[in-house]
Amino acid sequence: MLTDGAGFRFILSMPATSPDSGFSPAAVSTSAFAHSGIHAAGTSVLNPGGEAETGSGFSRRRFLGTLAALGVTVSAGLAQAVEPFARKGDARCPLSLAAYSFRDFFKDPAKMDFYRFLDLCADLKLGGAELTSYYFNKDVSDAELLRVRRHAFLRGVAVSGTAVGNNFALPDGPELEREKEGVRQWIDRAAVLGAPHIRVFAGSAKGLDEAAGRRQVIKSLEECGDYAGKKGIFLGIENHGGVVATADGLLEIVKAVQSPWIGVNLDTGNFHSADPYADLAKCAPWAVNVQVKVEMKPAGAKEAEPADYQRLAKILRDARYQGWVALEFEAKADPFEAVPQHVKAMQAAFAS
């Protein structure tokens, strides 16, 4: 059993050892942990009862990441809930724009492609651009991804992330494996693009009850998170209906996933409770990316209501969020006319 700095205890699964293996549990608490840099933040010793303990300066996400790097498995059923990201200092919310905002125009390359989209982001004085995977060719080459990355750099726009469509709430089998392989493929592509984050879905339980679907999502996120972490890429699970339609349902999964590379892709338009702003505030400490919708529809409302950008900005400031905030325009208006207006409104709200 291992105890982290916050007092949480974990049951560990270690490789089988033999006198000739050169591996012993003590190595986890001494040379292996020292090699991983733990002693810069805390200490790790093996007490007389055989338990390794880490000092209070060691964050649990870092703790879990180190264990994963060492090939040590934490039992998901016994591990305690993952805490929010520990961020120091004030919130910082650079603005981005999601390519999905121009989804109807990407259908015709003569009207919109990623080069035009990046030019638009630059003209709007945005720091980032979210390059939704749907609008690349299915078999896009690394060479094409690099051309897009080069264009973004020359226009002074960072690739803030990308987004994929997937369903992890499936039974074990070929269909789930295809979903995970699709995410891994885009992890590789995101690395080529220079995108630090990928929006992923949990999905809706198919062939399973909801509880079993949640377990499959957790397991799949841990597998894909391990792969993404090796590329330095975060996966943000979006509050997007299905098994994550509510704030509590989303956090149940996020807190259970034992990976330092998994967080929340917080979509401000996807909670439909009586108080969606309260739901957003509850989830914001786990956010690794934020997508802002221009409208919100609380439970009982007949029509969608304009989003309160000032209120959204305060929620993120209170959570000390430090990351991209992407406008994802889904309203009925022409995005070429409406997006610049909403970008200006967001720039004013998030600058204050």
Protein backbone atom coordinates (compact mmCIF):
# COMPACT_ATOMS: atom_id res chain seq x y z
CA MET A 1 0.00 0.00 0.00
CA LEU A 2 1.24 3.46 -0.93
CA THR A 3 0.20 6.74 0.67
CA ASP A 4 0.31 10.01 -1.22
CA GLY A 5 0.91 13.49 0.18
CA ALA A 6 -2.79 14.19 0.66
CA GLY A 7 -3.23 11.10 2.77
CA PHE A 8 -4.86 8.97 0.09
CA ARG A 9 -3.87 5.31 0.12
CA PHE A 10 -3.47 3.10 -2.92
CA ILE A 11 -3.23 -0.63 -3.50
CA LEU A 12 -0.42 -1.24 -5.96
CA SER A 13 0.09 -4.03 -8.46
CA MET A 14 3.79 -4.56 -9.13
CA PRO A 15 5.53 -6.88 -11.57
CA ALA A 16 6.35 -10.31 -10.23
CA THR A 17 9.85 -10.38 -8.76
CA SER A 18 12.49 -12.99 -8.33
CA PRO A 19 15.94 -12.97 -6.76
CA ASP A 20 17.39 -12.44 -10.24
CA SER A 21 14.94 -9.81 -11.44
CA GLY A 22 16.79 -6.80 -10.06
CA PHE A 23 13.46 -5.26 -9.00
CA SER A 24 12.22 -4.87 -5.47
CA PRO A 25 9.47 -2.79 -3.84
CA ALA A 26 12.14 -0.81 -2.07
CA ALA A 27 13.35 0.41 -5.44
CA VAL A 28 10.03 2.16 -5.95
CA SER A 29 10.57 4.28 -2.86
CA THR A 30 14.26 5.01 -3.36
CA SER A 31 16.13 4.91 -6.63
CA ALA A 32 13.15 4.79 -8.99
CA PHE A 33 11.31 7.63 -7.26
CA ALA A 34 14.49 9.64 -6.93
CA HIS A 35 15.15 9.16 -10.63
CA SER A 36 11.67 10.49 -11.43
CA GLY A 37 12.31 13.69 -9.50
CA ILE A 38 9.95 13.19 -6.57
CA HIS A 39 12.52 14.33 -4.05
CA ALA A 40 12.37 17.81 -5.53
CA ALA A 41 8.90 18.15 -4.05
CA GLY A 42 8.78 15.68 -1.19
CA THR A 43 10.31 12.54 0.26
CA SER A 44 9.60 8.88 -0.18
CA VAL A 45 10.56 6.22 2.31
CA LEU A 46 9.64 2.64 3.04
CA ASN A 47 8.39 2.41 6.59
CA PRO A 48 8.88 -0.66 8.82
CA GLY A 49 5.44 -1.92 7.83
CA GLY A 50 6.44 -2.01 4.17
CA GLU A 51 4.47 1.08 3.09
CA ALA A 52 6.02 3.74 0.91
CA GLU A 53 4.95 7.28 1.79
CA THR A 54 5.42 10.50 -0.10
CA GLY A 55 5.85 13.94 1.38
CA SER A 56 3.10 16.54 1.54
CA GLY A 57 4.62 18.60 -1.26
CA PHE A 58 3.89 15.88 -3.81
CA SER A 59 0.66 16.38 -5.80
CA ARG A 60 -1.49 13.34 -6.37
CA ARG A 61 -1.69 13.78 -10.12
CA ARG A 62 2.11 13.85 -10.27
CA PHE A 63 2.18 10.87 -7.91
CA LEU A 64 -0.11 8.87 -10.20
CA GLY A 65 1.84 9.86 -13.28
CA THR A 66 5.07 8.68 -11.71
CA LEU A 67 3.54 5.35 -10.78
CA ALA A 68 2.35 4.89 -14.35
CA ALA A 69 5.83 5.67 -15.67
CA LEU A 70 7.23 3.01 -13.37
CA GLY A 71 4.78 0.41 -14.63
CA VAL A 72 2.93 0.31 -11.30
CA THR A 73 -0.84 -0.15 -11.59
CA VAL A 74 -3.30 1.50 -9.23
CA SER A 75 -6.46 -0.50 -8.66
CA ALA A 76 -9.32 1.69 -9.98
CA GLY A 77 -11.75 0.18 -7.54
CA LEU A 78 -9.62 1.09 -4.54
CA ALA A 79 -8.02 4.39 -5.57
CA GLN A 80 -9.49 7.54 -4.07
CA ALA A 81 -10.99 10.35 -6.11
CA VAL A 82 -8.57 12.44 -8.17
CA GLU A 83 -8.39 16.01 -6.91
CA PRO A 84 -8.65 19.15 -9.09
CA PHE A 85 -5.59 20.53 -10.81
CA ALA A 86 -3.44 22.53 -8.39
CA ARG A 87 -2.85 25.87 -10.10
CA LYS A 88 -0.96 28.74 -8.55
CA GLY A 89 -1.50 32.38 -9.33
CA ASP A 90 -4.34 34.14 -11.08
CA ALA A 91 -6.51 32.80 -13.87
CA ARG A 92 -5.31 33.27 -17.44
CA CYS A 93 -7.80 32.69 -20.24
CA PRO A 94 -6.41 33.27 -23.75
CA LEU A 95 -9.13 33.10 -26.38
CA SER A 96 -9.46 30.69 -29.27
CA LEU A 97 -12.06 29.86 -31.91
CA ALA A 98 -13.33 26.37 -32.76
CA ALA A 99 -13.42 25.43 -36.43
CA TYR A 100 -16.75 23.74 -35.67
CA SER A 101 -18.22 27.25 -35.64
CA PHE A 102 -17.97 27.17 -39.46
CA ARG A 103 -19.07 23.53 -39.87
CA ASP A 104 -21.47 24.22 -42.75
CA PHE A 105 -18.83 26.14 -44.69
CA PHE A 106 -16.11 23.51 -44.27
CA LYS A 107 -18.28 21.27 -46.44
CA ASP A 108 -17.17 23.38 -49.41
CA PRO A 109 -13.38 23.94 -49.58
CA ALA A 110 -14.00 26.98 -51.78
CA LYS A 111 -15.76 28.66 -48.83
CA MET A 112 -13.66 27.52 -45.87
CA ASP A 113 -10.55 25.49 -45.19
CA PHE A 114 -8.04 25.50 -42.35
CA TYR A 115 -5.82 28.11 -44.00
CA ARG A 116 -8.71 30.55 -44.36
CA PHE A 117 -9.85 29.69 -40.86
CA LEU A 118 -6.43 30.47 -39.39
CA ASP A 119 -6.36 33.75 -41.31
CA LEU A 120 -9.72 34.62 -39.79
CA CYS A 121 -8.47 33.86 -36.27
CA ALA A 122 -5.46 36.09 -36.88
CA ASP A 123 -7.64 38.90 -38.23
CA LEU A 124 -9.84 38.65 -35.11
CA LYS A 125 -6.70 39.00 -32.98
CA LEU A 126 -7.25 35.62 -31.35
CA GLY A 127 -4.32 33.80 -29.81
CA GLY A 128 -5.52 30.34 -30.72
CA ALA A 129 -7.46 28.16 -33.12
CA GLU A 130 -9.12 24.84 -32.35
CA LEU A 131 -8.77 22.67 -35.45
CA THR A 132 -11.66 20.20 -35.26
CA SER A 133 -10.63 16.82 -36.67
CA TYR A 134 -13.84 16.39 -38.68
CA TYR A 135 -12.71 18.81 -41.38
CA PHE A 136 -9.42 17.17 -42.24
CA ASN A 137 -9.39 14.48 -44.90
CA LYS A 138 -9.92 11.05 -43.38
CA ASP A 139 -6.43 9.98 -44.42
CA VAL A 140 -4.72 13.32 -43.87
CA SER A 141 -0.95 13.05 -44.14
CA ASP A 142 1.62 14.34 -41.68
CA ALA A 143 2.89 16.59 -44.47
CA GLU A 144 -0.50 18.32 -44.72
CA LEU A 145 -0.75 18.65 -40.93
CA LEU A 146 2.67 20.27 -40.90
CA ARG A 147 1.65 22.72 -43.63
CA VAL A 148 -1.31 23.77 -41.51
CA ARG A 149 0.95 24.06 -38.44
CA ARG A 150 3.40 26.21 -40.41
CA HIS A 151 0.63 28.51 -41.60
CA ALA A 152 -0.66 28.91 -38.05
CA PHE A 153 2.80 29.85 -36.80
CA LEU A 154 3.36 32.40 -39.54
CA ARG A 155 0.02 34.04 -38.71
CA GLY A 156 0.90 34.15 -35.02
CA VAL A 157 -1.89 31.76 -34.03
CA ALA A 158 -1.34 28.80 -31.70
CA VAL A 159 -3.12 25.52 -32.36
CA SER A 160 -5.04 25.39 -29.08
CA GLY A 161 -6.32 21.88 -29.64
CA THR A 162 -8.44 19.59 -31.76
CA ALA A 163 -11.59 17.57 -31.20
CA VAL A 164 -12.72 14.05 -32.07
CA GLY A 165 -16.00 12.15 -31.97
CA ASN A 166 -16.02 8.82 -30.13
CA ASN A 167 -18.01 6.54 -27.85
CA PHE A 168 -16.25 4.72 -25.01
CA ALA A 169 -19.44 3.51 -23.30
CA LEU A 170 -19.37 0.21 -25.19
CA PRO A 171 -18.82 -3.44 -24.25
CA ASP A 172 -15.37 -4.90 -24.75
CA GLY A 173 -14.92 -5.98 -28.33
CA PRO A 174 -14.00 -4.82 -31.82
CA GLU A 175 -16.28 -1.76 -31.80
CA LEU A 176 -14.72 -0.32 -28.63
CA GLU A 177 -11.24 -1.12 -29.90
CA ARG A 178 -11.96 0.84 -33.09
CA GLU A 179 -13.10 3.82 -31.00
CA LYS A 180 -9.91 3.76 -28.94
CA GLU A 181 -7.75 3.32 -32.01
CA GLY A 182 -9.41 6.35 -33.61
CA VAL A 183 -8.53 8.45 -30.56
CA ARG A 184 -4.95 7.15 -30.54
CA GLN A 185 -4.65 8.02 -34.22
CA TRP A 186 -5.65 11.60 -33.47
CA ILE A 187 -3.27 11.76 -30.53
CA ASP A 188 -0.50 11.08 -33.05
CA ARG A 189 -1.89 13.70 -35.40
CA ALA A 190 -2.28 16.25 -32.63
CA ALA A 191 1.40 15.81 -31.83
CA VAL A 192 2.23 16.64 -35.44
CA LEU A 193 -0.10 19.66 -35.41
CA GLY A 194 1.37 20.91 -32.15
CA ALA A 195 -2.04 20.68 -30.45
CA PRO A 196 -1.73 20.25 -26.66
CA HIS A 197 -5.33 19.10 -26.11
CA ILE A 198 -7.96 16.85 -27.67
CA ARG A 199 -11.66 17.06 -26.85
CA VAL A 200 -13.09 13.54 -26.44
CA PHE A 201 -16.55 12.22 -25.64
CA ALA A 202 -17.68 9.63 -23.15
CA GLY A 203 -20.64 8.53 -25.23
CA SER A 204 -23.95 6.86 -24.48
CA ALA A 205 -24.12 3.37 -23.03
CA LYS A 206 -24.75 0.87 -25.80
CA GLY A 207 -25.38 -2.76 -24.93
CA LEU A 208 -24.65 -1.94 -21.29
CA ASP A 209 -26.43 -0.37 -18.36
CA GLU A 210 -25.26 3.13 -17.43
CA ALA A 211 -23.06 1.99 -14.53
CA ALA A 212 -21.24 -0.50 -16.74
CA GLY A 213 -20.94 2.15 -19.44
CA ARG A 214 -19.25 4.49 -16.97
CA ARG A 215 -16.75 1.79 -16.05
CA GLN A 216 -15.90 1.30 -19.71
CA VAL A 217 -15.40 5.02 -20.17
CA ILE A 218 -13.06 5.16 -17.17
CA LYS A 219 -11.03 2.22 -18.42
CA SER A 220 -10.81 3.58 -21.97
CA LEU A 221 -9.81 7.06 -20.77
CA GLU A 222 -7.03 5.57 -18.67
CA GLU A 223 -5.71 3.59 -21.64
CA CYS A 224 -5.87 6.53 -24.05
CA GLY A 225 -4.63 8.94 -21.38
CA ASP A 226 -1.53 6.83 -20.91
CA TYR A 227 -0.85 6.99 -24.65
CA ALA A 228 -1.58 10.72 -24.83
CA GLY A 229 0.69 11.45 -21.89
CA LYS A 230 3.62 9.93 -23.73
CA LYS A 231 3.05 12.56 -26.43
CA GLY A 232 2.50 15.40 -23.93
CA ILE A 233 -1.16 15.81 -24.88
CA PHE A 234 -4.17 16.26 -22.59
CA LEU A 235 -7.51 14.60 -23.23
CA GLY A 236 -10.53 16.62 -22.10
CA ILE A 237 -13.78 14.72 -21.65
CA GLU A 238 -16.69 16.95 -22.59
CA ASN A 239 -19.99 17.29 -20.77
CA HIS A 240 -21.86 16.09 -23.84
CA GLY A 241 -24.95 14.13 -22.89
CA GLY A 242 -24.98 10.37 -22.43
CA VAL A 243 -23.26 9.20 -19.26
CA VAL A 244 -21.86 12.71 -18.64
CA ALA A 245 -25.03 14.74 -19.12
CA THR A 246 -24.90 16.03 -15.53
CA ALA A 247 -22.11 17.65 -13.54
CA ASP A 248 -22.15 14.84 -10.99
CA GLY A 249 -22.01 12.19 -13.71
CA LEU A 250 -19.08 13.92 -15.38
CA LEU A 251 -17.12 14.34 -12.15
CA GLU A 252 -17.79 10.75 -11.11
CA ILE A 253 -15.85 9.64 -14.16
CA VAL A 254 -13.13 12.30 -14.10
CA LYS A 255 -12.38 11.70 -10.42
CA ALA A 256 -12.08 7.97 -11.03
CA VAL A 257 -9.68 8.15 -13.98
CA GLN A 258 -6.17 7.55 -12.66
CA SER A 259 -4.25 9.63 -15.19
CA PRO A 260 -2.55 13.02 -14.88
CA TRP A 261 -3.37 13.68 -18.56
CA ILE A 262 -7.17 13.57 -18.29
CA GLY A 263 -9.40 16.51 -17.42
CA VAL A 264 -12.65 18.19 -18.40
CA ASN A 265 -13.40 19.89 -21.68
CA LEU A 266 -15.93 22.28 -20.18
CA ASP A 267 -18.67 23.15 -22.67
CA THR A 268 -20.72 26.04 -21.30
CA GLY A 269 -23.82 25.19 -23.34
CA ASN A 270 -24.21 21.52 -22.51
CA PHE A 271 -25.64 21.52 -18.99
CA HIS A 272 -29.42 21.82 -18.91
CA SER A 273 -30.17 21.75 -15.20
CA ALA A 274 -32.05 24.42 -13.30
CA ASP A 275 -28.72 26.24 -12.76
CA PRO A 276 -26.15 25.39 -15.43
CA TYR A 277 -23.80 28.11 -14.15
CA ALA A 278 -23.57 26.28 -10.82
CA ASP A 279 -22.77 23.06 -12.70
CA LEU A 280 -20.02 24.81 -14.62
CA ALA A 281 -18.55 26.20 -11.39
CA LYS A 282 -18.56 22.71 -9.88
CA CYS A 283 -16.60 21.25 -12.82
CA ALA A 284 -14.28 24.19 -13.60
CA PRO A 285 -11.45 23.09 -11.24
CA TRP A 286 -10.94 19.98 -13.41
CA ALA A 287 -11.00 21.87 -16.73
CA VAL A 288 -8.16 21.55 -19.23
CA ASN A 289 -10.04 23.35 -22.01
CA VAL A 290 -13.18 25.47 -22.19
CA GLN A 291 -15.60 25.82 -25.09
CA VAL A 292 -17.99 28.75 -24.82
CA LYS A 293 -21.39 28.64 -26.46
CA VAL A 294 -23.24 31.87 -27.13
CA GLU A 295 -26.47 30.43 -25.73
CA MET A 296 -27.52 28.35 -22.72
CA LYS A 297 -30.81 26.58 -22.04
CA PRO A 298 -31.63 25.85 -18.38
CA ALA A 299 -34.21 23.23 -17.47
CA GLY A 300 -37.73 24.51 -18.06
CA ALA A 301 -36.69 27.27 -20.44
CA LYS A 302 -38.71 27.35 -23.67
CA GLU A 303 -35.95 29.05 -25.60
CA ALA A 304 -32.19 29.26 -25.30
CA GLU A 305 -30.91 32.34 -23.47
CA PRO A 306 -27.85 34.46 -24.31
CA ALA A 307 -24.79 33.35 -22.36
CA ASP A 308 -23.52 35.76 -19.71
CA TYR A 309 -19.85 36.10 -20.64
CA GLN A 310 -19.03 38.15 -17.55
CA ARG A 311 -20.48 35.43 -15.34
CA LEU A 312 -18.61 32.70 -17.22
CA ALA A 313 -15.37 34.64 -16.90
CA LYS A 314 -15.88 34.98 -13.15
CA ILE A 315 -16.46 31.23 -12.80
CA LEU A 316 -13.14 30.53 -14.51
CA ARG A 317 -11.31 33.23 -12.53
CA ASP A 318 -12.65 31.83 -9.26
CA ALA A 319 -11.38 28.39 -10.28
CA ARG A 320 -7.96 29.86 -11.20
CA TYR A 321 -8.37 28.29 -14.61
CA GLN A 322 -5.32 28.78 -16.79
CA GLY A 323 -5.90 27.63 -20.32
CA TRP A 324 -7.64 28.17 -23.62
CA VAL A 325 -11.21 29.44 -23.88
CA ALA A 326 -12.58 28.68 -27.34
CA LEU A 327 -15.72 30.17 -28.82
CA GLU A 328 -17.76 27.36 -30.37
CA PHE A 329 -20.53 29.09 -32.27
CA GLU A 330 -23.66 26.98 -32.79
CA ALA A 331 -26.42 29.60 -33.06
CA LYS A 332 -28.50 30.02 -36.22
CA ALA A 333 -26.93 33.29 -37.39
CA ASP A 334 -24.31 33.47 -40.13
CA PRO A 335 -21.00 32.84 -38.32
CA PHE A 336 -19.12 35.20 -40.64
CA GLU A 337 -21.28 38.01 -39.28
CA ALA A 338 -21.93 36.83 -35.73
CA VAL A 339 -18.57 35.35 -34.67
CA PRO A 340 -16.63 38.66 -34.80
CA GLN A 341 -19.28 40.29 -32.57
CA HIS A 342 -19.12 37.48 -30.02
CA VAL A 343 -15.32 37.46 -30.07
CA LYS A 344 -15.32 41.17 -29.17
CA ALA A 345 -17.79 40.56 -26.35
CA MET A 346 -15.65 37.71 -24.98
CA GLN A 347 -12.47 39.76 -25.28
CA ALA A 348 -14.09 42.46 -23.16
CA ALA A 349 -15.42 40.00 -20.58
CA PHE A 350 -12.26 37.97 -20.13
CA ALA A 351 -9.99 41.01 -20.10
CA SER A 352 -11.84 42.62 -17.17
